[in-house]
Amino acid sequence: MPPRKAQPKKAPVPPGAQAPERGDAPRPKRPRAKKTVAILSRKRSLYSTRRLVEAIKARGHRPLVFDTLRCCLLLARGKPRMTYRGAEVKGVDVVIPRIGASITAYGLAVVNHFEMMDVPVLNPPTAIARSRDKLRALQFLARAGLDMPRTVMAHDRGNVRKLVQEVGGLPVIIKLIKGTQGVGVMIAHTLPEVQTILDTFWDLGQEIVLQEFVAESEGRDVRALVVGDTVVGAMRRKAKKGEFRSNIHRGGEGRAITLPPDYVEAAVKAARIIGLEVAGVDMLEGREGPRLMEINSSPGFEGLEGATGQDIAGNIVEHALVYAGTRGSVLMARAGRAS
């Protein structure tokens, strides 16, 4: 009898694993390409910046934090360039801007420069500028049919009574056009009070608006954080005793809520109209539904993460990575047509 041929030994299958079928060799996993995500922020130690860095690292990518005011913009014939602390800025896949109100002008120049270098930026400069001007933002939202408190802007010192009537009478809210975190927001209960505040700010060269006081929502509002086409977290903010502003920075308290569909729709629509991929949308709870109050292009989310337990930073980073791919393709195609 001829000797048997030795059969090759089968590799042992680990417990709980399924053996590959005959002829199907296991395929090695393709490593995911590591991306470089830049964050524009004045301080790495800020809560939102720290959380974004953590979220980027947790997903296996490389974070870079650029102090916006240390970015040097270089313009000459040919492609724009940027340096940071003397080193050339290269290889950035997507930028998450966290532009504070105090550096809006230079911050917008930096964001615009990244776009000129064909780097996708999560919130474009035009949308950031639009959101920073409260009246301009409300003009866009009103034209789109979204509800909001009645608002008026004027410079007519001799017709204050009529202006107050236009927003529903006293008391009235007075806001600086470019205020933030509740700074420059006041309430006036008498006509002399309104006149004094208006005269003071006009003499200082400040632009202001008068806004309807929504009595049913006194001392509270709703903050929804929109990422892409989704509300990733929402809370109801309540002002501390003796304060009518509900901002967390003013001592307000936030509690997680599940937004009704009409509030979700209004928040997402507002972000789309202004052109923001990431936005904090503030709404008052009116008798007939949400009333848009303000939209923020660099929303802090410490209070929201604390109130909801949601990984807001992770949601922003994941959207930035997807946006880097889709927007990057558009920018490359545009550059190819221009060359």
C-alpha atoms as a PDB file:
ATOM      1  CA  MET A   1       0.000   0.000   0.000  1.00  0.00           C
ATOM      2  CA  PRO A   2       1.478   3.390  -0.973  1.00  0.00           C
ATOM      3  CA  PRO A   3       2.295   5.673   1.948  1.00  0.00           C
ATOM      4  CA  ARG A   4      -0.254   8.412   2.731  1.00  0.00           C
ATOM      5  CA  LYS A   5       0.623  11.979   1.950  1.00  0.00           C
ATOM      6  CA  ALA A   6       0.988  14.131   5.021  1.00  0.00           C
ATOM      7  CA  GLN A   7      -1.948  16.566   5.347  1.00  0.00           C
ATOM      8  CA  PRO A   8      -1.123  20.181   6.231  1.00  0.00           C
ATOM      9  CA  LYS A   9      -2.102  21.060   9.779  1.00  0.00           C
ATOM     10  CA  LYS A  10      -4.961  23.527  10.186  1.00  0.00           C
ATOM     11  CA  ALA A  11      -4.331  26.561  12.295  1.00  0.00           C
ATOM     12  CA  PRO A  12      -6.258  26.362  15.567  1.00  0.00           C
ATOM     13  CA  VAL A  13      -9.357  28.535  15.793  1.00  0.00           C
ATOM     14  CA  PRO A  14      -9.484  30.709  18.931  1.00  0.00           C
ATOM     15  CA  PRO A  15     -12.441  30.034  21.249  1.00  0.00           C
ATOM     16  CA  GLY A  16     -15.543  32.005  20.221  1.00  0.00           C
ATOM     17  CA  ALA A  17     -14.143  32.811  16.749  1.00  0.00           C
ATOM     18  CA  GLN A  18     -15.667  31.521  13.520  1.00  0.00           C
ATOM     19  CA  ALA A  19     -13.346  29.558  11.243  1.00  0.00           C
ATOM     20  CA  PRO A  20     -12.988  31.032   7.746  1.00  0.00           C
ATOM     21  CA  GLU A  21     -14.739  29.053   5.050  1.00  0.00           C
ATOM     22  CA  ARG A  22     -12.627  26.994   2.653  1.00  0.00           C
ATOM     23  CA  GLY A  23     -10.979  29.157   0.036  1.00  0.00           C
ATOM     24  CA  ASP A  24     -11.593  32.406   1.986  1.00  0.00           C
ATOM     25  CA  ALA A  25      -8.300  33.688   3.333  1.00  0.00           C
ATOM     26  CA  PRO A  26      -8.736  36.266   6.122  1.00  0.00           C
ATOM     27  CA  ARG A  27      -8.140  39.761   4.775  1.00  0.00           C
ATOM     28  CA  PRO A  28      -5.886  42.084   6.743  1.00  0.00           C
ATOM     29  CA  LYS A  29      -7.632  45.247   7.934  1.00  0.00           C
ATOM     30  CA  ARG A  30      -6.604  48.344   6.042  1.00  0.00           C
ATOM     31  CA  PRO A  31      -5.280  50.928   8.503  1.00  0.00           C
ATOM     32  CA  ARG A  32      -7.337  54.122   8.611  1.00  0.00           C
ATOM     33  CA  ALA A  33      -5.475  57.155   7.347  1.00  0.00           C
ATOM     34  CA  LYS A  34      -4.562  59.494  10.182  1.00  0.00           C
ATOM     35  CA  LYS A  35      -5.799  63.038   9.671  1.00  0.00           C
ATOM     36  CA  THR A  36      -4.509  66.298  11.099  1.00  0.00           C
ATOM     37  CA  VAL A  37      -7.273  68.378  12.682  1.00  0.00           C
ATOM     38  CA  ALA A  38      -6.391  71.973  13.559  1.00  0.00           C
ATOM     39  CA  ILE A  39      -8.264  73.932  16.225  1.00  0.00           C
ATOM     40  CA  LEU A  40      -8.116  77.728  16.164  1.00  0.00           C
ATOM     41  CA  SER A  41      -8.214  78.803  19.796  1.00  0.00           C
ATOM     42  CA  ARG A  42      -6.501  81.432  21.929  1.00  0.00           C
ATOM     43  CA  LYS A  43      -5.831  78.943  24.748  1.00  0.00           C
ATOM     44  CA  ARG A  44      -5.292  75.190  24.749  1.00  0.00           C
ATOM     45  CA  SER A  45      -6.470  75.101  28.389  1.00  0.00           C
ATOM     46  CA  LEU A  46     -10.048  76.240  27.587  1.00  0.00           C
ATOM     47  CA  TYR A  47     -12.603  73.517  28.287  1.00  0.00           C
ATOM     48  CA  SER A  48     -13.986  73.245  24.750  1.00  0.00           C
ATOM     49  CA  THR A  49     -10.485  73.208  23.222  1.00  0.00           C
ATOM     50  CA  ARG A  50      -9.265  70.522  25.649  1.00  0.00           C
ATOM     51  CA  ARG A  51     -12.300  68.349  24.944  1.00  0.00           C
ATOM     52  CA  LEU A  52     -11.833  68.668  21.177  1.00  0.00           C
ATOM     53  CA  VAL A  53      -8.168  67.647  21.518  1.00  0.00           C
ATOM     54  CA  GLU A  54      -9.198  64.607  23.583  1.00  0.00           C
ATOM     55  CA  ALA A  55     -11.861  63.646  21.043  1.00  0.00           C
ATOM     56  CA  ILE A  56      -9.432  63.899  18.121  1.00  0.00           C
ATOM     57  CA  LYS A  57      -6.852  61.709  19.891  1.00  0.00           C
ATOM     58  CA  ALA A  58      -9.508  59.186  20.953  1.00  0.00           C
ATOM     59  CA  ARG A  59     -10.365  58.655  17.277  1.00  0.00           C
ATOM     60  CA  GLY A  60      -6.760  58.030  16.293  1.00  0.00           C
ATOM     61  CA  HIS A  61      -6.061  61.365  14.641  1.00  0.00           C
ATOM     62  CA  ARG A  62      -3.596  64.207  15.238  1.00  0.00           C
ATOM     63  CA  PRO A  63      -4.725  67.452  16.906  1.00  0.00           C
ATOM     64  CA  LEU A  64      -3.001  70.801  16.422  1.00  0.00           C
ATOM     65  CA  VAL A  65      -3.984  73.891  18.406  1.00  0.00           C
ATOM     66  CA  PHE A  66      -3.157  77.203  16.765  1.00  0.00           C
ATOM     67  CA  ASP A  67      -3.387  80.444  18.730  1.00  0.00           C
ATOM     68  CA  THR A  68      -5.276  82.480  16.125  1.00  0.00           C
ATOM     69  CA  LEU A  69      -3.291  85.665  16.756  1.00  0.00           C
ATOM     70  CA  ARG A  70       0.042  83.855  16.200  1.00  0.00           C
ATOM     71  CA  CYS A  71      -0.893  82.757  12.685  1.00  0.00           C
ATOM     72  CA  CYS A  72       1.039  84.781  10.099  1.00  0.00           C
ATOM     73  CA  LEU A  73      -0.679  85.192   6.721  1.00  0.00           C
ATOM     74  CA  LEU A  74       1.637  85.416   3.711  1.00  0.00           C
ATOM     75  CA  LEU A  75       0.395  86.862   0.441  1.00  0.00           C
ATOM     76  CA  ALA A  76       2.391  86.984  -2.770  1.00  0.00           C
ATOM     77  CA  ARG A  77       1.940  85.955  -6.376  1.00  0.00           C
ATOM     78  CA  GLY A  78       0.791  82.366  -6.433  1.00  0.00           C
ATOM     79  CA  LYS A  79      -0.698  80.238  -3.693  1.00  0.00           C
ATOM     80  CA  PRO A  80      -1.262  81.850  -0.255  1.00  0.00           C
ATOM     81  CA  ARG A  81       0.867  80.533   2.621  1.00  0.00           C
ATOM     82  CA  MET A  82       0.726  80.602   6.399  1.00  0.00           C
ATOM     83  CA  THR A  83       3.327  80.292   9.122  1.00  0.00           C
ATOM     84  CA  TYR A  84       2.864  79.621  12.823  1.00  0.00           C
ATOM     85  CA  ARG A  85       5.640  80.709  15.181  1.00  0.00           C
ATOM     86  CA  GLY A  86       7.978  80.801  12.187  1.00  0.00           C
ATOM     87  CA  ALA A  87       7.140  77.327  10.831  1.00  0.00           C
ATOM     88  CA  GLU A  88       5.243  76.692   7.598  1.00  0.00           C
ATOM     89  CA  VAL A  89       1.698  75.405   8.111  1.00  0.00           C
ATOM     90  CA  LYS A  90       1.222  72.316   5.938  1.00  0.00           C
ATOM     91  CA  GLY A  91      -0.656  69.035   5.938  1.00  0.00           C
ATOM     92  CA  VAL A  92      -3.806  70.235   7.757  1.00  0.00           C
ATOM     93  CA  ASP A  93      -6.868  68.213   6.705  1.00  0.00           C
ATOM     94  CA  VAL A  94      -9.603  70.274   8.390  1.00  0.00           C
ATOM     95  CA  VAL A  95      -9.901  73.297  10.699  1.00  0.00           C
ATOM     96  CA  ILE A  96     -12.310  73.712  13.617  1.00  0.00           C
ATOM     97  CA  PRO A  97     -12.469  77.473  14.318  1.00  0.00           C
ATOM     98  CA  ARG A  98     -13.113  78.714  17.861  1.00  0.00           C
ATOM     99  CA  ILE A  99     -13.021  82.447  17.145  1.00  0.00           C
ATOM    100  CA  GLY A 100     -13.708  84.643  20.177  1.00  0.00           C
ATOM    101  CA  ALA A 101     -15.727  87.832  19.698  1.00  0.00           C
ATOM    102  CA  SER A 102     -12.779  89.999  20.776  1.00  0.00           C
ATOM    103  CA  ILE A 103     -10.640  88.824  17.811  1.00  0.00           C
ATOM    104  CA  THR A 104     -13.359  88.504  15.182  1.00  0.00           C
ATOM    105  CA  ALA A 105     -11.631  90.619  12.513  1.00  0.00           C
ATOM    106  CA  TYR A 106      -8.250  88.851  12.585  1.00  0.00           C
ATOM    107  CA  GLY A 107      -9.896  85.494  13.254  1.00  0.00           C
ATOM    108  CA  LEU A 108     -11.981  85.840  10.081  1.00  0.00           C
ATOM    109  CA  ALA A 109      -8.831  86.693   8.112  1.00  0.00           C
ATOM    110  CA  VAL A 110      -7.141  83.490   9.360  1.00  0.00           C
ATOM    111  CA  VAL A 111     -10.198  81.344   8.610  1.00  0.00           C
ATOM    112  CA  ASN A 112     -10.449  82.876   5.134  1.00  0.00           C
ATOM    113  CA  HIS A 113      -6.741  82.224   4.539  1.00  0.00           C
ATOM    114  CA  PHE A 114      -7.134  78.529   5.325  1.00  0.00           C
ATOM    115  CA  GLU A 115      -9.939  78.366   2.761  1.00  0.00           C
ATOM    116  CA  MET A 116      -7.702  80.096   0.204  1.00  0.00           C
ATOM    117  CA  MET A 117      -5.110  77.381   0.921  1.00  0.00           C
ATOM    118  CA  ASP A 118      -7.824  74.804   0.018  1.00  0.00           C
ATOM    119  CA  VAL A 119      -8.151  73.566   3.606  1.00  0.00           C
ATOM    120  CA  PRO A 120     -11.759  72.768   4.642  1.00  0.00           C
ATOM    121  CA  VAL A 121     -12.955  74.938   7.546  1.00  0.00           C
ATOM    122  CA  LEU A 122     -15.905  73.666   9.570  1.00  0.00           C
ATOM    123  CA  ASN A 123     -17.548  77.111   9.849  1.00  0.00           C
ATOM    124  CA  PRO A 124     -16.771  79.358   6.866  1.00  0.00           C
ATOM    125  CA  PRO A 125     -15.773  83.001   7.441  1.00  0.00           C
ATOM    126  CA  THR A 126     -18.911  84.456   5.823  1.00  0.00           C
ATOM    127  CA  ALA A 127     -21.140  82.460   8.177  1.00  0.00           C
ATOM    128  CA  ILE A 128     -19.094  83.395  11.263  1.00  0.00           C
ATOM    129  CA  ALA A 129     -19.294  87.092  10.321  1.00  0.00           C
ATOM    130  CA  ARG A 130     -23.036  86.804   9.710  1.00  0.00           C
ATOM    131  CA  SER A 131     -23.625  85.217  13.125  1.00  0.00           C
ATOM    132  CA  ARG A 132     -21.553  87.853  14.956  1.00  0.00           C
ATOM    133  CA  ASP A 133     -23.835  90.655  13.772  1.00  0.00           C
ATOM    134  CA  LYS A 134     -27.065  90.030  15.705  1.00  0.00           C
ATOM    135  CA  LEU A 135     -29.189  92.210  13.442  1.00  0.00           C
ATOM    136  CA  ARG A 136     -27.763  90.718  10.229  1.00  0.00           C
ATOM    137  CA  ALA A 137     -28.414  87.196  11.500  1.00  0.00           C
ATOM    138  CA  LEU A 138     -31.984  88.073  12.463  1.00  0.00           C
ATOM    139  CA  GLN A 139     -32.545  89.636   9.029  1.00  0.00           C
ATOM    140  CA  PHE A 140     -31.671  86.316   7.380  1.00  0.00           C
ATOM    141  CA  LEU A 141     -33.811  84.307   9.805  1.00  0.00           C
ATOM    142  CA  ALA A 142     -36.815  86.633   9.476  1.00  0.00           C
ATOM    143  CA  ARG A 143     -36.671  86.511   5.678  1.00  0.00           C
ATOM    144  CA  ALA A 144     -36.719  82.704   5.879  1.00  0.00           C
ATOM    145  CA  GLY A 145     -39.933  82.806   7.907  1.00  0.00           C
ATOM    146  CA  LEU A 146     -38.605  81.810  11.327  1.00  0.00           C
ATOM    147  CA  ASP A 147     -40.343  83.297  14.365  1.00  0.00           C
ATOM    148  CA  MET A 148     -38.444  85.626  16.697  1.00  0.00           C
ATOM    149  CA  PRO A 149     -39.063  88.446  19.179  1.00  0.00           C
ATOM    150  CA  ARG A 150     -39.986  91.699  17.431  1.00  0.00           C
ATOM    151  CA  THR A 151     -36.792  93.679  16.890  1.00  0.00           C
ATOM    152  CA  VAL A 152     -36.008  97.232  15.817  1.00  0.00           C
ATOM    153  CA  MET A 153     -32.818  99.152  15.085  1.00  0.00           C
ATOM    154  CA  ALA A 154     -32.793 102.922  14.675  1.00  0.00           C
ATOM    155  CA  HIS A 155     -30.853 106.118  15.408  1.00  0.00           C
ATOM    156  CA  ASP A 156     -33.842 108.418  15.882  1.00  0.00           C
ATOM    157  CA  ARG A 157     -33.396 109.894  19.375  1.00  0.00           C
ATOM    158  CA  GLY A 158     -36.594 111.863  19.158  1.00  0.00           C
ATOM    159  CA  ASN A 159     -38.906 108.926  18.540  1.00  0.00           C
ATOM    160  CA  VAL A 160     -38.093 106.469  21.330  1.00  0.00           C
ATOM    161  CA  ARG A 161     -41.740 106.053  22.369  1.00  0.00           C
ATOM    162  CA  LYS A 162     -42.623 104.839  18.852  1.00  0.00           C
ATOM    163  CA  LEU A 163     -39.671 102.407  18.820  1.00  0.00           C
ATOM    164  CA  VAL A 164     -40.836 100.886  22.085  1.00  0.00           C
ATOM    165  CA  GLN A 165     -44.361 100.510  20.713  1.00  0.00           C
ATOM    166  CA  GLU A 166     -42.987  98.666  17.671  1.00  0.00           C
ATOM    167  CA  VAL A 167     -41.589  95.891  19.901  1.00  0.00           C
ATOM    168  CA  GLY A 168     -44.732  95.513  22.025  1.00  0.00           C
ATOM    169  CA  GLY A 169     -44.231  98.127  24.747  1.00  0.00           C
ATOM    170  CA  LEU A 170     -42.450  98.084  28.090  1.00  0.00           C
ATOM    171  CA  PRO A 171     -40.432  96.415  29.448  1.00  0.00           C
ATOM    172  CA  VAL A 172     -38.036  96.209  26.514  1.00  0.00           C
ATOM    173  CA  ILE A 173     -34.750  94.356  25.934  1.00  0.00           C
ATOM    174  CA  ILE A 174     -31.794  96.427  24.693  1.00  0.00           C
ATOM    175  CA  LYS A 175     -28.830  94.622  23.104  1.00  0.00           C
ATOM    176  CA  LEU A 176     -25.458  95.537  21.702  1.00  0.00           C
ATOM    177  CA  ILE A 177     -25.217  94.293  18.106  1.00  0.00           C
ATOM    178  CA  LYS A 178     -21.912  92.525  18.791  1.00  0.00           C
ATOM    179  CA  GLY A 179     -22.267  91.482  22.427  1.00  0.00           C
ATOM    180  CA  THR A 180     -21.661  87.925  23.602  1.00  0.00           C
ATOM    181  CA  GLN A 181     -22.332  85.700  26.654  1.00  0.00           C
ATOM    182  CA  GLY A 182     -24.963  88.123  27.906  1.00  0.00           C
ATOM    183  CA  VAL A 183     -22.611  91.131  27.858  1.00  0.00           C
ATOM    184  CA  GLY A 184     -24.386  94.247  26.585  1.00  0.00           C
ATOM    185  CA  VAL A 185     -27.914  92.893  27.187  1.00  0.00           C
ATOM    186  CA  MET A 186     -30.161  95.076  29.377  1.00  0.00           C
ATOM    187  CA  ILE A 187     -33.806  95.372  30.322  1.00  0.00           C
ATOM    188  CA  ALA A 188     -35.545  98.732  30.641  1.00  0.00           C
ATOM    189  CA  HIS A 189     -38.902  99.210  32.408  1.00  0.00           C
ATOM    190  CA  THR A 190     -39.569 102.921  31.760  1.00  0.00           C
ATOM    191  CA  LEU A 191     -39.254 105.284  28.807  1.00  0.00           C
ATOM    192  CA  PRO A 192     -36.659 107.525  30.562  1.00  0.00           C
ATOM    193  CA  GLU A 193     -34.612 104.372  31.225  1.00  0.00           C
ATOM    194  CA  VAL A 194     -34.772 103.407  27.546  1.00  0.00           C
ATOM    195  CA  GLN A 195     -33.833 106.955  26.474  1.00  0.00           C
ATOM    196  CA  THR A 196     -30.839 107.101  28.843  1.00  0.00           C
ATOM    197  CA  ILE A 197     -29.458 103.716  27.745  1.00  0.00           C
ATOM    198  CA  LEU A 198     -29.906 104.505  24.051  1.00  0.00           C
ATOM    199  CA  ASP A 199     -28.290 107.948  24.365  1.00  0.00           C
ATOM    200  CA  THR A 200     -25.338 106.506  26.294  1.00  0.00           C
ATOM    201  CA  PHE A 201     -24.580 103.793  23.733  1.00  0.00           C
ATOM    202  CA  TRP A 202     -25.177 106.038  20.725  1.00  0.00           C
ATOM    203  CA  ASP A 203     -22.773 108.616  22.192  1.00  0.00           C
ATOM    204  CA  LEU A 204     -20.185 105.842  22.546  1.00  0.00           C
ATOM    205  CA  GLY A 205     -20.629 104.915  18.890  1.00  0.00           C
ATOM    206  CA  GLN A 206     -22.246 101.550  19.663  1.00  0.00           C
ATOM    207  CA  GLU A 207     -24.893  99.918  17.474  1.00  0.00           C
ATOM    208  CA  ILE A 208     -27.847  98.554  19.421  1.00  0.00           C
ATOM    209  CA  VAL A 209     -31.245  96.953  18.887  1.00  0.00           C
ATOM    210  CA  LEU A 210     -34.473  97.019  20.875  1.00  0.00           C
ATOM    211  CA  GLN A 211     -36.239  93.702  21.253  1.00  0.00           C
ATOM    212  CA  GLU A 212     -39.604  92.473  22.469  1.00  0.00           C
ATOM    213  CA  PHE A 213     -39.710  91.175  26.048  1.00  0.00           C
ATOM    214  CA  VAL A 214     -41.263  87.690  25.905  1.00  0.00           C
ATOM    215  CA  ALA A 215     -42.953  87.534  29.302  1.00  0.00           C
ATOM    216  CA  GLU A 216     -43.805  83.812  29.252  1.00  0.00           C
ATOM    217  CA  SER A 217     -40.112  82.969  28.865  1.00  0.00           C
ATOM    218  CA  GLU A 218     -38.744  85.411  31.464  1.00  0.00           C
ATOM    219  CA  GLY A 219     -35.455  84.247  32.973  1.00  0.00           C
ATOM    220  CA  ARG A 220     -35.110  81.122  30.853  1.00  0.00           C
ATOM    221  CA  ASP A 221     -34.321  79.999  27.315  1.00  0.00           C
ATOM    222  CA  VAL A 222     -33.364  76.888  25.358  1.00  0.00           C
ATOM    223  CA  ARG A 223     -29.882  76.234  23.952  1.00  0.00           C
ATOM    224  CA  ALA A 224     -29.647  73.670  21.153  1.00  0.00           C
ATOM    225  CA  LEU A 225     -26.289  72.642  19.726  1.00  0.00           C
ATOM    226  CA  VAL A 226     -26.480  71.824  16.044  1.00  0.00           C
ATOM    227  CA  VAL A 227     -23.807  69.747  14.284  1.00  0.00           C
ATOM    228  CA  GLY A 228     -24.463  69.260  10.591  1.00  0.00           C
ATOM    229  CA  ASP A 229     -28.165  68.504  10.293  1.00  0.00           C
ATOM    230  CA  THR A 230     -28.582  67.166  13.824  1.00  0.00           C
ATOM    231  CA  VAL A 231     -29.228  68.609  17.270  1.00  0.00           C
ATOM    232  CA  VAL A 232     -26.653  66.707  19.345  1.00  0.00           C
ATOM    233  CA  GLY A 233     -27.693  68.164  22.707  1.00  0.00           C
ATOM    234  CA  ALA A 234     -30.146  70.621  24.233  1.00  0.00           C
ATOM    235  CA  MET A 235     -30.765  72.189  27.610  1.00  0.00           C
ATOM    236  CA  ARG A 236     -33.093  74.658  29.240  1.00  0.00           C
ATOM    237  CA  ARG A 237     -31.154  77.465  30.914  1.00  0.00           C
ATOM    238  CA  LYS A 238     -32.618  79.245  33.913  1.00  0.00           C
ATOM    239  CA  ALA A 239     -31.305  82.544  35.270  1.00  0.00           C
ATOM    240  CA  LYS A 240     -30.104  82.829  38.843  1.00  0.00           C
ATOM    241  CA  LYS A 241     -32.237  84.773  41.294  1.00  0.00           C
ATOM    242  CA  GLY A 242     -32.327  88.505  40.566  1.00  0.00           C
ATOM    243  CA  GLU A 243     -30.993  88.069  37.003  1.00  0.00           C
ATOM    244  CA  PHE A 244     -33.018  88.029  33.768  1.00  0.00           C
ATOM    245  CA  ARG A 245     -30.176  86.691  31.583  1.00  0.00           C
ATOM    246  CA  SER A 246     -29.993  82.899  31.577  1.00  0.00           C
ATOM    247  CA  ASN A 247     -26.438  82.516  30.207  1.00  0.00           C
ATOM    248  CA  ILE A 248     -24.331  79.894  32.021  1.00  0.00           C
ATOM    249  CA  HIS A 249     -21.514  82.486  32.146  1.00  0.00           C
ATOM    250  CA  ARG A 250     -23.921  84.714  34.118  1.00  0.00           C
ATOM    251  CA  GLY A 251     -24.573  82.048  36.729  1.00  0.00           C
ATOM    252  CA  GLY A 252     -27.506  80.419  34.932  1.00  0.00           C
ATOM    253  CA  GLU A 253     -28.305  76.760  35.488  1.00  0.00           C
ATOM    254  CA  GLY A 254     -28.726  74.285  32.635  1.00  0.00           C
ATOM    255  CA  ARG A 255     -30.852  71.132  32.612  1.00  0.00           C
ATOM    256  CA  ALA A 256     -30.982  68.595  29.793  1.00  0.00           C
ATOM    257  CA  ILE A 257     -34.207  68.427  27.810  1.00  0.00           C
ATOM    258  CA  THR A 258     -35.562  66.508  24.841  1.00  0.00           C
ATOM    259  CA  LEU A 259     -36.505  69.094  22.245  1.00  0.00           C
ATOM    260  CA  PRO A 260     -39.942  68.900  20.587  1.00  0.00           C
ATOM    261  CA  PRO A 261     -39.758  68.378  16.796  1.00  0.00           C
ATOM    262  CA  ASP A 262     -40.646  72.007  15.998  1.00  0.00           C
ATOM    263  CA  TYR A 263     -37.713  73.245  18.125  1.00  0.00           C
ATOM    264  CA  VAL A 264     -35.324  70.783  16.445  1.00  0.00           C
ATOM    265  CA  GLU A 265     -36.532  71.875  13.015  1.00  0.00           C
ATOM    266  CA  ALA A 266     -36.168  75.573  13.867  1.00  0.00           C
ATOM    267  CA  ALA A 267     -32.626  75.125  15.268  1.00  0.00           C
ATOM    268  CA  VAL A 268     -31.348  73.110  12.292  1.00  0.00           C
ATOM    269  CA  LYS A 269     -32.993  75.472   9.804  1.00  0.00           C
ATOM    270  CA  ALA A 270     -31.438  78.502  11.523  1.00  0.00           C
ATOM    271  CA  ALA A 271     -27.943  76.975  11.321  1.00  0.00           C
ATOM    272  CA  ARG A 272     -28.434  76.141   7.630  1.00  0.00           C
ATOM    273  CA  ILE A 273     -29.693  79.653   6.809  1.00  0.00           C
ATOM    274  CA  ILE A 274     -26.678  81.308   8.454  1.00  0.00           C
ATOM    275  CA  GLY A 275     -24.365  78.724   6.844  1.00  0.00           C
ATOM    276  CA  LEU A 276     -22.907  77.136   9.992  1.00  0.00           C
ATOM    277  CA  GLU A 277     -21.882  73.487  10.353  1.00  0.00           C
ATOM    278  CA  VAL A 278     -21.601  73.880  14.145  1.00  0.00           C
ATOM    279  CA  ALA A 279     -23.904  76.327  15.917  1.00  0.00           C
ATOM    280  CA  GLY A 280     -25.388  77.108  19.289  1.00  0.00           C
ATOM    281  CA  VAL A 281     -28.980  78.213  18.712  1.00  0.00           C
ATOM    282  CA  ASP A 282     -30.780  80.083  21.508  1.00  0.00           C
ATOM    283  CA  MET A 283     -34.578  80.059  21.504  1.00  0.00           C
ATOM    284  CA  LEU A 284     -37.295  81.427  23.736  1.00  0.00           C
ATOM    285  CA  GLU A 285     -40.278  79.236  24.572  1.00  0.00           C
ATOM    286  CA  GLY A 286     -43.174  81.254  23.192  1.00  0.00           C
ATOM    287  CA  ARG A 287     -46.845  80.402  23.533  1.00  0.00           C
ATOM    288  CA  GLU A 288     -46.949  79.326  19.900  1.00  0.00           C
ATOM    289  CA  GLY A 289     -43.591  77.576  19.754  1.00  0.00           C
ATOM    290  CA  PRO A 290     -39.895  78.428  19.408  1.00  0.00           C
ATOM    291  CA  ARG A 291     -38.826  82.036  18.943  1.00  0.00           C
ATOM    292  CA  LEU A 292     -35.263  82.412  17.636  1.00  0.00           C
ATOM    293  CA  MET A 293     -33.177  84.725  19.759  1.00  0.00           C
ATOM    294  CA  GLU A 294     -29.534  84.279  18.774  1.00  0.00           C
ATOM    295  CA  ILE A 295     -27.117  81.990  16.920  1.00  0.00           C
ATOM    296  CA  ASN A 296     -23.509  81.405  17.968  1.00  0.00           C
ATOM    297  CA  SER A 297     -20.729  80.193  15.656  1.00  0.00           C
ATOM    298  CA  SER A 298     -18.283  79.236  18.455  1.00  0.00           C
ATOM    299  CA  PRO A 299     -20.577  77.852  21.145  1.00  0.00           C
ATOM    300  CA  GLY A 300     -19.047  76.728  24.412  1.00  0.00           C
ATOM    301  CA  PHE A 301     -20.327  73.311  25.436  1.00  0.00           C
ATOM    302  CA  GLU A 302     -19.034  72.735  28.958  1.00  0.00           C
ATOM    303  CA  GLY A 303     -22.460  73.389  30.452  1.00  0.00           C
ATOM    304  CA  LEU A 304     -24.180  71.298  27.794  1.00  0.00           C
ATOM    305  CA  GLU A 305     -21.894  68.284  28.256  1.00  0.00           C
ATOM    306  CA  GLY A 306     -22.335  68.567  32.013  1.00  0.00           C
ATOM    307  CA  ALA A 307     -26.120  68.786  31.764  1.00  0.00           C
ATOM    308  CA  THR A 308     -26.678  66.117  29.105  1.00  0.00           C
ATOM    309  CA  GLY A 309     -23.760  63.713  29.564  1.00  0.00           C
ATOM    310  CA  GLN A 310     -23.397  63.757  25.760  1.00  0.00           C
ATOM    311  CA  ASP A 311     -20.022  63.622  23.997  1.00  0.00           C
ATOM    312  CA  ILE A 312     -20.516  66.951  22.220  1.00  0.00           C
ATOM    313  CA  ALA A 313     -16.807  67.252  21.390  1.00  0.00           C
ATOM    314  CA  GLY A 314     -16.868  63.798  19.799  1.00  0.00           C
ATOM    315  CA  ASN A 315     -19.863  64.723  17.647  1.00  0.00           C
ATOM    316  CA  ILE A 316     -18.098  67.857  16.410  1.00  0.00           C
ATOM    317  CA  VAL A 317     -14.871  65.994  15.608  1.00  0.00           C
ATOM    318  CA  GLU A 318     -16.645  63.162  13.783  1.00  0.00           C
ATOM    319  CA  HIS A 319     -18.546  65.676  11.672  1.00  0.00           C
ATOM    320  CA  ALA A 320     -15.295  67.559  10.970  1.00  0.00           C
ATOM    321  CA  LEU A 321     -13.662  64.353   9.683  1.00  0.00           C
ATOM    322  CA  VAL A 322     -16.584  63.634   7.338  1.00  0.00           C
ATOM    323  CA  TYR A 323     -16.665  67.277   6.257  1.00  0.00           C
ATOM    324  CA  ALA A 324     -12.928  67.134   5.529  1.00  0.00           C
ATOM    325  CA  GLY A 325     -13.556  64.421   2.950  1.00  0.00           C
ATOM    326  CA  THR A 326     -16.580  65.945   1.220  1.00  0.00           C
ATOM    327  CA  ARG A 327     -15.485  69.581   1.327  1.00  0.00           C
ATOM    328  CA  GLY A 328     -11.879  68.661   0.499  1.00  0.00           C
ATOM    329  CA  SER A 329     -13.009  67.034  -2.752  1.00  0.00           C
ATOM    330  CA  VAL A 330     -14.922  70.169  -3.736  1.00  0.00           C
ATOM    331  CA  LEU A 331     -11.943  72.444  -3.006  1.00  0.00           C
ATOM    332  CA  MET A 332      -9.545  70.198  -4.968  1.00  0.00           C
ATOM    333  CA  ALA A 333     -11.888  70.156  -7.965  1.00  0.00           C
ATOM    334  CA  ARG A 334     -12.198  73.937  -7.818  1.00  0.00           C
ATOM    335  CA  ALA A 335      -8.403  74.327  -7.652  1.00  0.00           C
ATOM    336  CA  GLY A 336      -8.019  72.004 -10.632  1.00  0.00           C
ATOM    337  CA  ARG A 337     -10.399  74.117 -12.742  1.00  0.00           C
ATOM    338  CA  ALA A 338      -8.581  77.319 -11.759  1.00  0.00           C
ATOM    339  CA  SER A 339      -5.127  75.999 -12.727  1.00  0.00           C
END
